[in-house]
């Protein structure tokens, strides 16, 4: 099965973040490149790194590192954001709260003003101090139209450096949910390095000489890896009282799941964030491998896989048909037969388990759905879909043949098998679905243009708020080309208005959020614009041969996620590195 996280960056028009890997080899001394005097990744001595101080990881990088540009949150080299460049806050997914990082504190001083204080003593790797002007500069880059967070400036009016340590943000309206997301998602860049760069260079530049504030610096790169070295002068050692334990991190691009698994077994790899089928047998065996849970589903949940019907084409434009389709899908068969219980069946709401407090169980009880072929048949019949020619499949209401195509990317074998399973179970309800497997780029083009019947998508990840899921589901207006949200092209003004109302509820007002989210769940389950299938895992298979104290749901072990995926280091991935211990200790 193809190994990837398929992560989209919430709220921004950024490209796909996949975690399939190409090009790889057994861990070896870093070859060909090392750190130059100004942070440049330059040729150097390929001495063997001490194994006891080195963490070998895989599961994020496709192939050769493309760039070291933190603006490119979707394809920059592993660790660019999170290890080399840092954000103002992190987000604790367990406690569901922001954790001060480069910012010492931050708060709303009124309904249109947010003010934060930077930590004193933070320095860039070139020795210059981090100041409020760097924060102002970083956010003002978003005024450039092609920068991923450009939309922020439709409601952010000004950013001011009050003094060297104080930044004031003034808004035309307070979108609290989005703002919290931006506080832990935007990399802070050094003005003295980036000032004067053109918009094209800011967005597309390789940034060969990364100067950051983070705990690591790039030491070397090669075709199949990047190597990061810990900074002994990192500010967090004193200010946060924490330090990542590995002196070196080597992230390797592996060409297949089999290679990644082989490296784990050979003790040449410490952490795989690939999807590894059959890992349950290894965890239960005496192989020195661990996952977050010792029982199914073995992993934390990272995102929801949705069946996305094209709401502009018949019969998918009929809510009654979409509800029948939802009842025709045997998700249990996918969870058990395709994934071997490495994933969990999704709630009818699609909200991740971490957001369970926001699920209105009354709405689910009255309007939810489950696999029931007989019910699906009745829903179809009641809505006017009949099998007039006796071939076992219903026709459209006008009598025309119905043969829907479900597309998933070629090579994503777990999704390919899931598509076949969906087609099989839908057949039992009289719905004809034919799986099709275009290459990934062709699928993206079809998805953007609306040239499809059905597809599977999982591009919204765990975040600070369910707001990001409902924005994905309901955002309007529908564009000729839908790049990142509402691929179903579902047009409901009331739903979108509720999403915008949710955005303006303070993130600590849980009851206020629940009130609006309940209404959104009712609309979702009544109209079923997208159908939740299963929760993809935060794939993390760890070896205890060199490092121990990996995150675990058991006992007093760390409760963060052991993950190197882009945009997850701020969600606990970095903190996991600080909790590791040498196995020999």
Protein backbone atom coordinates (compact mmCIF):
# COMPACT_ATOMS: atom_id res chain seq x y z
CA UNK A 1 0.00 0.00 0.00
CA UNK A 2 1.14 3.48 -0.81
CA UNK A 3 2.63 5.36 2.12
CA UNK A 4 1.42 8.89 2.57
CA UNK A 5 -0.45 11.26 4.84
CA UNK A 6 -2.10 13.25 2.02
CA UNK A 7 -2.20 16.39 4.13
CA UNK A 8 -3.67 19.71 2.99
CA UNK A 9 -2.85 22.80 4.96
CA UNK A 10 -6.13 24.01 6.45
CA UNK A 11 -7.39 27.48 5.53
CA UNK A 12 -4.76 28.15 2.87
CA UNK A 13 -4.57 27.60 -0.85
CA UNK A 14 -1.54 25.37 -0.66
CA UNK A 15 -0.58 22.26 -2.57
CA UNK A 16 -0.97 18.66 -1.56
CA UNK A 17 1.31 17.36 1.15
CA UNK A 18 1.87 13.69 0.43
CA UNK A 19 4.15 11.34 2.27
CA UNK A 20 4.95 8.72 -0.28
CA UNK A 21 8.67 8.27 -0.65
CA UNK A 22 10.92 7.68 -3.64
CA UNK A 23 14.61 7.02 -3.78
CA UNK A 24 16.17 5.47 -0.72
CA UNK A 25 18.89 3.33 0.74
CA UNK A 26 19.97 1.77 3.98
CA UNK A 27 20.95 4.48 6.50
CA UNK A 28 24.54 5.47 5.92
CA UNK A 29 26.81 8.40 6.59
CA UNK A 30 25.36 11.62 5.17
CA UNK A 31 27.00 12.10 1.80
CA UNK A 32 27.93 15.05 -0.31
CA UNK A 33 26.60 18.03 1.64
CA UNK A 34 26.96 19.74 5.00
CA UNK A 35 26.40 23.03 6.75
CA UNK A 36 28.25 26.08 5.50
CA UNK A 37 29.33 29.03 7.60
CA UNK A 38 26.11 31.01 7.03
CA UNK A 39 23.76 28.06 7.31
CA UNK A 40 24.12 27.03 3.66
CA UNK A 41 23.83 23.37 2.83
CA UNK A 42 27.20 22.79 1.12
CA UNK A 43 29.60 19.92 0.27
CA UNK A 44 31.50 18.41 3.20
CA UNK A 45 32.95 15.43 5.02
CA UNK A 46 30.72 12.33 5.04
CA UNK A 47 31.82 11.02 8.47
CA UNK A 48 29.58 8.43 10.09
CA UNK A 49 27.18 9.94 12.61
CA UNK A 50 27.17 8.35 16.09
CA UNK A 51 24.21 5.98 16.03
CA UNK A 52 23.35 6.50 19.69
CA UNK A 53 22.84 10.23 19.06
CA UNK A 54 21.04 9.98 15.72
CA UNK A 55 17.34 9.61 15.00
CA UNK A 56 16.54 8.08 11.60
CA UNK A 57 13.05 8.87 10.30
CA UNK A 58 10.99 8.37 7.14
CA UNK A 59 7.46 8.80 5.84
CA UNK A 60 7.29 12.44 4.73
CA UNK A 61 9.71 13.10 1.89
CA UNK A 62 8.91 11.95 -1.66
CA UNK A 63 12.45 12.21 -2.94
CA UNK A 64 15.29 14.73 -3.06
CA UNK A 65 14.66 17.77 -0.84
CA UNK A 66 13.04 20.40 -3.06
CA UNK A 67 13.67 23.52 -0.98
CA UNK A 68 14.24 24.93 2.50
CA UNK A 69 11.53 27.57 2.17
CA UNK A 70 9.15 27.74 5.16
CA UNK A 71 6.53 29.57 3.07
CA UNK A 72 6.18 26.35 1.06
CA UNK A 73 4.50 24.41 3.86
CA UNK A 74 3.60 21.59 1.46
CA UNK A 75 6.93 20.55 -0.12
CA UNK A 76 9.83 22.03 1.85
CA UNK A 77 12.52 19.72 3.23
CA UNK A 78 11.54 17.84 6.38
CA UNK A 79 12.05 20.01 9.46
CA UNK A 80 12.15 23.34 7.60
CA UNK A 81 9.10 24.45 9.56
CA UNK A 82 9.16 23.25 13.16
CA UNK A 83 12.83 22.39 13.56
CA UNK A 84 14.64 25.22 11.72
CA UNK A 85 11.93 27.90 11.53
CA UNK A 86 9.39 28.29 14.32
CA UNK A 87 5.92 29.66 14.95
CA UNK A 88 4.56 31.99 17.61
CA UNK A 89 2.64 29.21 19.35
CA UNK A 90 2.28 25.44 19.25
CA UNK A 91 -1.06 23.69 19.66
CA UNK A 92 -1.53 20.99 22.30
CA UNK A 93 -4.01 18.53 20.75
CA UNK A 94 -4.46 16.69 24.05
CA UNK A 95 -5.21 19.74 26.20
CA UNK A 96 -6.83 21.54 23.22
CA UNK A 97 -5.02 24.81 23.82
CA UNK A 98 -2.31 27.02 22.38
CA UNK A 99 1.16 26.71 23.92
CA UNK A 100 3.35 29.84 23.89
CA UNK A 101 6.46 29.34 21.78
CA UNK A 102 8.28 32.29 20.21
CA UNK A 103 5.51 34.33 21.79
CA UNK A 104 5.63 34.49 25.57
CA UNK A 105 1.97 35.48 25.73
CA UNK A 106 -0.87 36.82 23.61
CA UNK A 107 -4.45 37.95 24.14
CA UNK A 108 -7.34 39.90 22.68
CA UNK A 109 -7.36 43.36 24.25
CA UNK A 110 -10.71 44.17 22.62
CA UNK A 111 -12.92 42.78 19.84
CA UNK A 112 -10.60 43.99 17.08
CA UNK A 113 -7.13 43.95 18.65
CA UNK A 114 -4.77 41.10 19.51
CA UNK A 115 -1.47 41.86 21.23
CA UNK A 116 1.44 39.51 21.90
CA UNK A 117 4.76 39.63 23.69
CA UNK A 118 7.79 37.87 22.26
CA UNK A 119 10.18 35.94 24.47
CA UNK A 120 13.32 37.91 25.25
CA UNK A 121 16.68 36.52 24.23
CA UNK A 122 15.62 34.57 21.13
CA UNK A 123 18.27 34.74 18.40
CA UNK A 124 18.50 33.71 14.78
CA UNK A 125 21.26 31.26 13.85
CA UNK A 126 23.33 34.18 12.52
CA UNK A 127 23.31 35.80 15.97
CA UNK A 128 20.82 38.58 15.29
CA UNK A 129 17.97 38.95 17.80
CA UNK A 130 14.36 38.07 16.97
CA UNK A 131 12.28 41.26 17.25
CA UNK A 132 8.71 42.39 16.73
CA UNK A 133 9.74 43.72 13.31
CA UNK A 134 10.39 40.13 12.17
CA UNK A 135 6.84 39.18 13.16
CA UNK A 136 5.38 42.21 11.37
CA UNK A 137 7.44 41.41 8.27
CA UNK A 138 6.41 37.74 8.27
CA UNK A 139 2.69 38.48 8.41
CA UNK A 140 2.94 41.33 5.90
CA UNK A 141 4.40 38.88 3.37
CA UNK A 142 0.82 37.63 3.21
CA UNK A 143 -0.14 40.80 1.35
CA UNK A 144 1.48 39.18 -1.68
CA UNK A 145 -1.35 37.50 -3.58
CA UNK A 146 0.39 34.16 -4.14
CA UNK A 147 1.42 33.64 -0.51
CA UNK A 148 -0.66 30.86 1.14
CA UNK A 149 -2.00 33.07 3.92
CA UNK A 150 -2.98 35.98 1.66
CA UNK A 151 -6.65 35.53 2.63
CA UNK A 152 -5.75 36.59 6.17
CA UNK A 153 -5.53 40.16 4.89
CA UNK A 154 -9.24 40.25 4.01
CA UNK A 155 -9.89 40.70 7.75
CA UNK A 156 -6.48 41.72 9.18
CA UNK A 157 -6.07 45.50 8.84
CA UNK A 158 -2.63 46.24 10.31
CA UNK A 159 0.32 44.68 12.15
CA UNK A 160 2.47 47.00 14.25
CA UNK A 161 5.67 46.66 16.26
CA UNK A 162 4.80 48.54 19.46
CA UNK A 163 8.35 47.95 20.72
CA UNK A 164 11.03 45.30 20.15
CA UNK A 165 9.07 42.64 22.03
CA UNK A 166 5.43 43.67 21.45
CA UNK A 167 3.26 43.17 18.35
CA UNK A 168 -0.26 44.54 17.85
CA UNK A 169 -2.67 43.06 15.29
CA UNK A 170 -5.76 45.09 14.35
CA UNK A 171 -8.67 43.38 12.58
CA UNK A 172 -11.75 44.52 10.68
CA UNK A 173 -13.52 41.56 12.31
CA UNK A 174 -12.43 39.01 14.86
CA UNK A 175 -12.27 35.56 13.27
CA UNK A 176 -11.15 33.84 16.46
CA UNK A 177 -11.09 30.29 15.10
CA UNK A 178 -8.94 31.16 12.09
CA UNK A 179 -6.67 33.38 14.15
CA UNK A 180 -5.73 30.63 16.58
CA UNK A 181 -4.88 28.47 13.58
CA UNK A 182 -2.63 31.20 12.17
CA UNK A 183 -0.86 31.69 15.49
CA UNK A 184 0.54 28.15 15.42
CA UNK A 185 0.83 27.79 11.65
CA UNK A 186 2.77 30.80 10.34
CA UNK A 187 6.56 30.56 10.32
CA UNK A 188 8.35 33.66 11.56
CA UNK A 189 11.11 34.78 9.18
CA UNK A 190 14.13 37.08 9.64
CA UNK A 191 13.43 40.45 8.01
CA UNK A 192 17.12 41.20 7.59
CA UNK A 193 17.51 38.09 5.41
CA UNK A 194 14.23 38.08 3.46
CA UNK A 195 13.64 41.81 2.96
CA UNK A 196 13.83 42.79 -0.70
CA UNK A 197 13.00 39.37 -2.09
CA UNK A 198 10.53 39.41 -4.96
CA UNK A 199 7.13 37.72 -4.62
CA UNK A 200 8.32 34.92 -6.88
CA UNK A 201 11.44 34.39 -4.77
CA UNK A 202 9.42 34.43 -1.54
CA UNK A 203 7.04 31.76 -2.86
CA UNK A 204 9.29 29.69 -5.13
CA UNK A 205 12.80 30.37 -3.85
CA UNK A 206 14.86 27.39 -2.62
CA UNK A 207 16.23 29.42 0.32
CA UNK A 208 19.56 27.60 0.28
CA UNK A 209 20.84 29.40 3.39
CA UNK A 210 18.11 28.89 5.99
CA UNK A 211 18.51 31.17 9.01
CA UNK A 212 15.98 30.22 11.68
CA UNK A 213 15.35 30.36 15.41
CA UNK A 214 14.72 26.62 15.80
CA UNK A 215 16.41 23.86 17.75
CA UNK A 216 18.07 22.43 14.61
CA UNK A 217 19.98 23.61 11.58
CA UNK A 218 20.42 21.80 8.29
CA UNK A 219 23.74 20.00 8.26
CA UNK A 220 23.62 18.14 4.97
CA UNK A 221 21.45 16.89 2.14
CA UNK A 222 21.60 14.21 -0.52
CA UNK A 223 19.25 12.75 -3.09
CA UNK A 224 17.55 10.52 -0.55
CA UNK A 225 17.88 12.44 2.73
CA UNK A 226 18.33 15.55 4.77
CA UNK A 227 20.39 15.71 7.95
CA UNK A 228 19.70 18.14 10.77
CA UNK A 229 22.02 18.95 13.66
CA UNK A 230 20.85 20.18 17.06
CA UNK A 231 21.82 23.70 18.11
CA UNK A 232 23.48 23.82 21.50
CA UNK A 233 22.53 27.51 21.80
CA UNK A 234 18.81 27.07 21.13
CA UNK A 235 16.79 29.54 23.22
CA UNK A 236 14.22 26.91 24.30
CA UNK A 237 16.68 25.08 26.55
CA UNK A 238 16.29 27.82 29.15
CA UNK A 239 13.01 29.52 28.23
CA UNK A 240 11.00 26.29 27.75
CA UNK A 241 13.17 24.00 29.87
CA UNK A 242 13.18 21.42 27.10
CA UNK A 243 15.60 20.10 24.53
CA UNK A 244 15.16 17.53 21.75
CA UNK A 245 17.24 14.49 22.64
CA UNK A 246 18.67 13.42 19.24
CA UNK A 247 21.78 15.42 18.34
CA UNK A 248 21.19 14.50 14.70
CA UNK A 249 18.04 13.74 12.73
CA UNK A 250 18.34 11.97 9.39
CA UNK A 251 15.13 11.89 7.37
CA UNK A 252 15.27 9.36 4.55
CA UNK A 253 13.13 9.04 1.44
CA UNK A 254 12.27 5.34 1.20
CA UNK A 255 10.98 3.94 -2.12
CA UNK A 256 8.36 1.58 -0.67
CA UNK A 257 6.63 0.38 2.47
CA UNK A 258 8.68 -2.80 2.29
CA UNK A 259 11.94 -0.86 2.42
CA UNK A 260 10.73 1.22 5.37
CA UNK A 261 9.63 -1.88 7.23
CA UNK A 262 12.92 -3.63 6.46
CA UNK A 263 14.91 -0.70 7.84
CA UNK A 264 12.82 -0.74 11.02
CA UNK A 265 13.44 -4.44 11.47
CA UNK A 266 17.17 -4.03 10.80
CA UNK A 267 17.39 -1.27 13.45
CA UNK A 268 18.48 1.19 10.76
CA UNK A 269 15.35 3.29 11.18
CA UNK A 270 13.81 4.62 14.39
CA UNK A 271 10.50 6.13 13.26
CA UNK A 272 8.37 5.40 10.23
CA UNK A 273 5.44 7.72 9.52
CA UNK A 274 4.47 5.57 6.54
CA UNK A 275 1.32 3.47 6.38
CA UNK A 276 2.65 -0.04 7.04
CA UNK A 277 0.06 -2.78 6.55
CA UNK A 278 0.41 -5.78 8.85
CA UNK A 279 2.26 -3.82 11.51
CA UNK A 280 -0.15 -5.17 14.14
CA UNK A 281 1.51 -8.58 13.94
CA UNK A 282 4.93 -7.02 14.44
CA UNK A 283 3.80 -4.94 17.42
CA UNK A 284 2.45 -8.05 19.10
CA UNK A 285 5.63 -9.98 18.31
CA UNK A 286 9.00 -9.58 19.97
CA UNK A 287 10.46 -7.23 17.38
CA UNK A 288 11.07 -4.08 19.44
CA UNK A 289 8.44 -2.07 17.52
CA UNK A 290 5.77 0.09 19.12
CA UNK A 291 2.71 2.07 18.08
CA UNK A 292 0.64 4.57 20.07
CA UNK A 293 -1.90 1.91 21.02
CA UNK A 294 -1.09 -1.76 21.51
CA UNK A 295 -4.56 -2.71 20.24
CA UNK A 296 -6.67 -1.59 17.23
CA UNK A 297 -6.56 0.99 15.76
CA UNK A 298 -2.89 1.19 16.96
CA UNK A 299 -2.59 4.85 15.86
CA UNK A 300 -4.07 8.19 16.81
CA UNK A 301 -6.52 9.60 14.26
CA UNK A 302 -5.16 12.29 11.93
CA UNK A 303 -7.88 13.03 9.40
CA UNK A 304 -11.22 11.85 8.02
CA UNK A 305 -11.52 10.06 4.69
CA UNK A 306 -14.68 11.30 2.95
CA UNK A 307 -16.63 9.99 -0.01
CA UNK A 308 -17.23 13.16 -2.03
CA UNK A 309 -20.21 13.12 -4.42
CA UNK A 310 -20.29 15.79 -7.11
CA UNK A 311 -23.41 17.64 -5.97
CA UNK A 312 -23.83 19.32 -9.38
CA UNK A 313 -24.41 16.07 -11.31
CA UNK A 314 -27.41 13.76 -11.19
CA UNK A 315 -28.22 11.78 -9.18
CA UNK A 316 -25.65 13.17 -6.68
CA UNK A 317 -27.53 16.49 -6.73
CA UNK A 318 -30.37 14.77 -4.87
CA UNK A 319 -29.97 14.66 -1.05
CA UNK A 320 -32.21 11.57 -0.91
CA UNK A 321 -29.85 9.71 -3.23
CA UNK A 322 -26.80 10.82 -1.24
CA UNK A 323 -28.38 9.54 1.99
CA UNK A 324 -29.16 6.21 0.33
CA UNK A 325 -25.59 6.04 -0.93
CA UNK A 326 -24.30 6.65 2.61
CA UNK A 327 -26.40 3.75 3.94
CA UNK A 328 -25.14 1.46 1.16
CA UNK A 329 -21.46 1.59 2.18
CA UNK A 330 -20.08 -1.15 4.42
CA UNK A 331 -17.34 0.81 6.18
CA UNK A 332 -16.75 -2.06 8.61
CA UNK A 333 -15.59 -4.18 5.68
CA UNK A 334 -13.09 -1.47 4.71
CA UNK A 335 -11.80 -1.07 8.27
CA UNK A 336 -11.34 -4.81 8.75
CA UNK A 337 -10.79 -6.17 5.26
CA UNK A 338 -8.70 -3.41 3.69
CA UNK A 339 -6.93 -1.92 6.71
CA UNK A 340 -6.81 -4.81 9.16
CA UNK A 341 -8.22 -2.54 11.88
CA UNK A 342 -5.45 0.05 11.52
CA UNK A 343 -8.15 2.71 11.05
CA UNK A 344 -11.45 3.48 12.78
CA UNK A 345 -14.88 3.85 11.22
CA UNK A 346 -15.88 7.51 11.24
CA UNK A 347 -18.74 8.99 13.20
CA UNK A 348 -21.70 10.02 11.00
CA UNK A 349 -20.55 13.61 11.62
CA UNK A 350 -17.01 12.92 10.41
CA UNK A 351 -15.57 14.84 13.36
CA UNK A 352 -12.33 13.31 14.60
CA UNK A 353 -12.29 11.50 17.98
CA UNK A 354 -10.31 14.43 19.42
CA UNK A 355 -13.41 16.60 18.77
CA UNK A 356 -15.90 14.21 20.35
CA UNK A 357 -17.13 16.87 22.79
CA UNK A 358 -18.58 18.78 19.83
CA UNK A 359 -20.67 15.87 18.51
CA UNK A 360 -24.38 16.42 19.24
CA UNK A 361 -25.47 12.87 20.05
CA UNK A 362 -29.15 13.84 19.80
CA UNK A 363 -28.63 14.93 16.21
CA UNK A 364 -26.71 11.75 15.44
CA UNK A 365 -29.40 9.57 17.05
CA UNK A 366 -32.19 11.19 15.06
CA UNK A 367 -30.45 11.84 11.74
CA UNK A 368 -27.34 9.64 11.60
CA UNK A 369 -26.77 6.70 9.30
CA UNK A 370 -25.15 3.27 9.27
CA UNK A 371 -24.64 0.51 6.72
CA UNK A 372 -28.03 -1.00 5.96
CA UNK A 373 -28.58 -2.27 2.41
CA UNK A 374 -32.31 -2.78 2.97
CA UNK A 375 -32.71 0.79 4.21
CA UNK A 376 -30.68 2.09 1.29
CA UNK A 377 -32.99 0.24 -1.12
CA UNK A 378 -36.07 1.71 0.55
CA UNK A 379 -34.63 5.24 0.48
CA UNK A 380 -33.93 4.83 -3.23
CA UNK A 381 -37.41 3.47 -3.93
CA UNK A 382 -39.11 6.19 -1.89
CA UNK A 383 -37.13 8.84 -3.80
CA UNK A 384 -38.20 7.44 -7.18
CA UNK A 385 -35.15 5.39 -8.17
CA UNK A 386 -36.34 2.09 -9.70
CA UNK A 387 -34.76 -0.94 -11.35
CA UNK A 388 -37.04 -0.96 -14.39
CA UNK A 389 -35.03 -3.34 -16.57
CA UNK A 390 -34.33 -5.93 -13.86
CA UNK A 391 -30.53 -5.77 -14.16
CA UNK A 392 -30.09 -5.34 -10.41
CA UNK A 393 -29.28 -1.63 -10.60
CA UNK A 394 -31.59 1.36 -10.24
CA UNK A 395 -31.90 3.91 -13.02
CA UNK A 396 -32.05 7.68 -12.74
CA UNK A 397 -35.51 9.15 -12.17
CA UNK A 398 -35.80 9.93 -15.90
CA UNK A 399 -35.15 6.29 -16.75
CA UNK A 400 -31.59 6.79 -17.99
CA UNK A 401 -28.86 4.37 -16.98
CA UNK A 402 -26.94 5.12 -13.79
CA UNK A 403 -23.31 4.03 -13.73
CA UNK A 404 -21.24 6.17 -11.40
CA UNK A 405 -17.45 6.32 -11.48
CA UNK A 406 -15.48 6.49 -8.22
CA UNK A 407 -11.93 7.82 -8.69
CA UNK A 408 -8.91 7.44 -6.43
CA UNK A 409 -5.25 7.85 -7.40
CA UNK A 410 -3.51 4.99 -9.13
CA UNK A 411 -1.02 3.32 -6.82
CA UNK A 412 -2.78 4.31 -3.59
CA UNK A 413 -3.61 0.66 -3.11
CA UNK A 414 -5.50 0.92 0.18
CA UNK A 415 -7.83 3.50 -1.38
CA UNK A 416 -8.10 1.42 -4.54
CA UNK A 417 -9.22 -1.57 -2.48
CA UNK A 418 -11.57 0.68 -0.52
CA UNK A 419 -13.12 1.92 -3.77
CA UNK A 420 -13.70 -1.67 -4.86
CA UNK A 421 -15.28 -2.43 -1.49
CA UNK A 422 -17.59 0.58 -1.80
CA UNK A 423 -18.64 -0.56 -5.28
CA UNK A 424 -19.37 -4.06 -3.98
CA UNK A 425 -21.50 -2.96 -1.03
CA UNK A 426 -23.34 -0.31 -3.10
CA UNK A 427 -24.24 -3.05 -5.58
CA UNK A 428 -26.20 -4.84 -2.85
CA UNK A 429 -28.40 -1.75 -2.61
CA UNK A 430 -28.80 -1.50 -6.39
CA UNK A 431 -26.31 1.34 -7.02
CA UNK A 432 -23.83 0.73 -9.83
CA UNK A 433 -20.37 2.16 -9.14
CA UNK A 434 -17.26 1.53 -11.22
CA UNK A 435 -13.88 2.26 -9.58
CA UNK A 436 -11.34 4.08 -11.74
CA UNK A 437 -7.72 4.86 -10.93
CA UNK A 438 -6.29 7.86 -12.82
CA UNK A 439 -2.81 9.07 -11.98
CA UNK A 440 -2.68 11.58 -9.17
CA UNK A 441 -2.20 14.73 -11.26
CA UNK A 442 -5.08 13.77 -13.56
CA UNK A 443 -7.30 13.19 -10.54
CA UNK A 444 -6.44 16.61 -9.09
CA UNK A 445 -7.38 18.26 -12.38
CA UNK A 446 -10.71 16.41 -12.48
CA UNK A 447 -11.39 17.31 -8.85
CA UNK A 448 -10.64 20.97 -9.36
CA UNK A 449 -12.83 21.25 -12.48
CA UNK A 450 -15.71 19.16 -11.12
CA UNK A 451 -15.21 16.51 -13.78
CA UNK A 452 -16.09 13.50 -11.61
CA UNK A 453 -18.97 11.58 -10.06
CA UNK A 454 -17.45 10.34 -6.80
CA UNK A 455 -14.01 10.54 -5.20
CA UNK A 456 -12.33 9.91 -1.85
CA UNK A 457 -10.57 12.81 -0.14
CA UNK A 458 -8.94 13.42 3.25
CA UNK A 459 -7.24 16.77 2.97
CA UNK A 460 -8.41 18.37 6.19
CA UNK A 461 -6.38 17.39 9.23
CA UNK A 462 -6.76 17.60 12.96
CA UNK A 463 -6.49 21.26 13.95
CA UNK A 464 -7.40 23.65 16.74
CA UNK A 465 -11.09 23.64 15.80
CA UNK A 466 -13.84 21.78 13.92
CA UNK A 467 -14.22 25.08 12.10
CA UNK A 468 -11.60 23.86 9.64
CA UNK A 469 -13.74 20.81 8.76
CA UNK A 470 -16.89 22.82 8.23
CA UNK A 471 -15.05 25.40 6.15
CA UNK A 472 -13.82 22.50 4.00
CA UNK A 473 -17.39 21.17 3.69
CA UNK A 474 -19.44 24.33 3.15
CA UNK A 475 -17.25 27.21 1.88
CA UNK A 476 -18.87 29.55 -0.64
CA UNK A 477 -18.86 30.93 -3.26
CA UNK A 478 -18.22 27.92 -5.47
CA UNK A 479 -15.52 28.75 -7.99
CA UNK A 480 -15.13 27.50 -11.52
CA UNK A 481 -12.07 25.71 -10.16
CA UNK A 482 -12.26 24.43 -6.58
CA UNK A 483 -8.67 24.01 -5.41
CA UNK A 484 -8.77 23.24 -1.70
CA UNK A 485 -12.32 23.15 -0.26
CA UNK A 486 -15.92 22.11 -1.02
CA UNK A 487 -14.96 19.68 -3.76
CA UNK A 488 -18.56 18.45 -3.61
CA UNK A 489 -19.70 21.90 -4.82
CA UNK A 490 -22.47 21.94 -2.25
CA UNK A 491 -24.32 25.27 -2.30
CA UNK A 492 -26.02 26.13 0.99
CA UNK A 493 -25.99 29.78 2.06
CA UNK A 494 -27.36 29.02 5.51
CA UNK A 495 -24.60 26.49 6.21
CA UNK A 496 -21.86 28.87 5.07
CA UNK A 497 -23.35 31.67 7.17
CA UNK A 498 -23.24 29.38 10.22
CA UNK A 499 -19.59 28.53 9.50
CA UNK A 500 -18.74 32.22 9.44
CA UNK A 501 -20.65 32.71 12.69
CA UNK A 502 -18.61 29.86 14.20
CA UNK A 503 -15.42 31.62 13.12
CA UNK A 504 -16.40 34.60 15.24
CA UNK A 505 -16.96 32.59 18.43
CA UNK A 506 -14.04 32.74 20.83
CA UNK A 507 -12.12 29.45 20.92
CA UNK A 508 -12.57 29.14 24.69
CA UNK A 509 -16.37 29.51 24.38
CA UNK A 510 -17.03 25.77 24.04
CA UNK A 511 -20.77 26.05 24.61
CA UNK A 512 -21.06 28.81 22.01
CA UNK A 513 -19.16 26.63 19.53
CA UNK A 514 -21.35 23.59 20.31
CA UNK A 515 -24.54 25.54 19.63
CA UNK A 516 -23.49 26.41 16.08
CA UNK A 517 -21.76 23.10 15.37
CA UNK A 518 -24.98 21.26 16.31
CA UNK A 519 -26.83 23.19 13.60
CA UNK A 520 -24.09 22.43 11.08
CA UNK A 521 -24.27 18.72 11.95
CA UNK A 522 -28.02 18.76 11.36
CA UNK A 523 -27.57 20.31 7.91
CA UNK A 524 -24.79 17.85 7.09
CA UNK A 525 -26.80 14.76 8.09
CA UNK A 526 -29.99 16.05 6.44
CA UNK A 527 -28.31 16.79 3.09
CA UNK A 528 -25.19 14.55 3.22
CA UNK A 529 -23.06 16.69 0.86
CA UNK A 530 -20.04 14.54 1.78
CA UNK A 531 -20.06 11.10 3.41
CA UNK A 532 -17.58 10.32 6.23
CA UNK A 533 -15.98 6.89 5.85
CA UNK A 534 -13.06 6.26 8.23
CA UNK A 535 -10.39 8.05 10.24
CA UNK A 536 -6.93 7.75 8.75
CA UNK A 537 -4.24 7.13 11.32
CA UNK A 538 -1.36 9.29 12.43
CA UNK A 539 0.93 6.52 11.21
CA UNK A 540 3.83 6.12 13.62
CA UNK A 541 5.80 2.89 13.96
CA UNK A 542 8.78 3.22 16.27
CA UNK A 543 11.78 1.05 17.05
CA UNK A 544 13.05 0.83 20.62
CA UNK A 545 16.51 -0.42 19.66
CA UNK A 546 18.17 3.02 19.94
CA UNK A 547 15.48 5.33 21.39
CA UNK A 548 12.76 4.68 23.96
CA UNK A 549 9.91 6.56 25.70
CA UNK A 550 7.95 6.92 22.50
CA UNK A 551 4.45 8.44 22.78
CA UNK A 552 1.85 5.93 23.93
CA UNK A 553 -1.73 5.84 25.14
CA UNK A 554 -0.59 3.74 28.09
CA UNK A 555 0.61 4.85 31.51
CA UNK A 556 2.74 7.95 31.94
CA UNK A 557 4.26 7.88 28.44
CA UNK A 558 4.12 11.12 26.40
CA UNK A 559 0.68 11.72 24.86
CA UNK A 560 1.89 13.64 21.81
CA UNK A 561 2.21 12.19 18.33
CA UNK A 562 5.59 10.86 17.15
CA UNK A 563 5.44 12.48 13.73
CA UNK A 564 7.70 14.33 11.31
CA UNK A 565 4.99 15.20 8.77
CA UNK A 566 4.96 18.79 7.60
CA UNK A 567 2.75 21.03 9.76
CA UNK A 568 2.57 18.43 12.55
CA UNK A 569 5.71 19.38 14.48
CA UNK A 570 3.69 22.27 15.95
CA UNK A 571 0.97 19.78 16.97
CA UNK A 572 3.16 17.75 19.30
CA UNK A 573 5.73 16.25 16.95
CA UNK A 574 8.49 18.47 18.30
CA UNK A 575 7.53 17.82 21.91
CA UNK A 576 7.86 14.08 21.24
CA UNK A 577 11.51 14.62 20.33
CA UNK A 578 12.13 16.22 23.73
CA UNK A 579 10.71 13.18 25.55
CA UNK A 580 12.85 10.52 23.87
CA UNK A 581 15.50 8.72 25.89
CA UNK A 582 18.46 6.64 24.70
CA UNK A 583 17.58 2.97 24.99
CA UNK A 584 20.90 2.31 26.67
CA UNK A 585 20.15 4.70 29.53
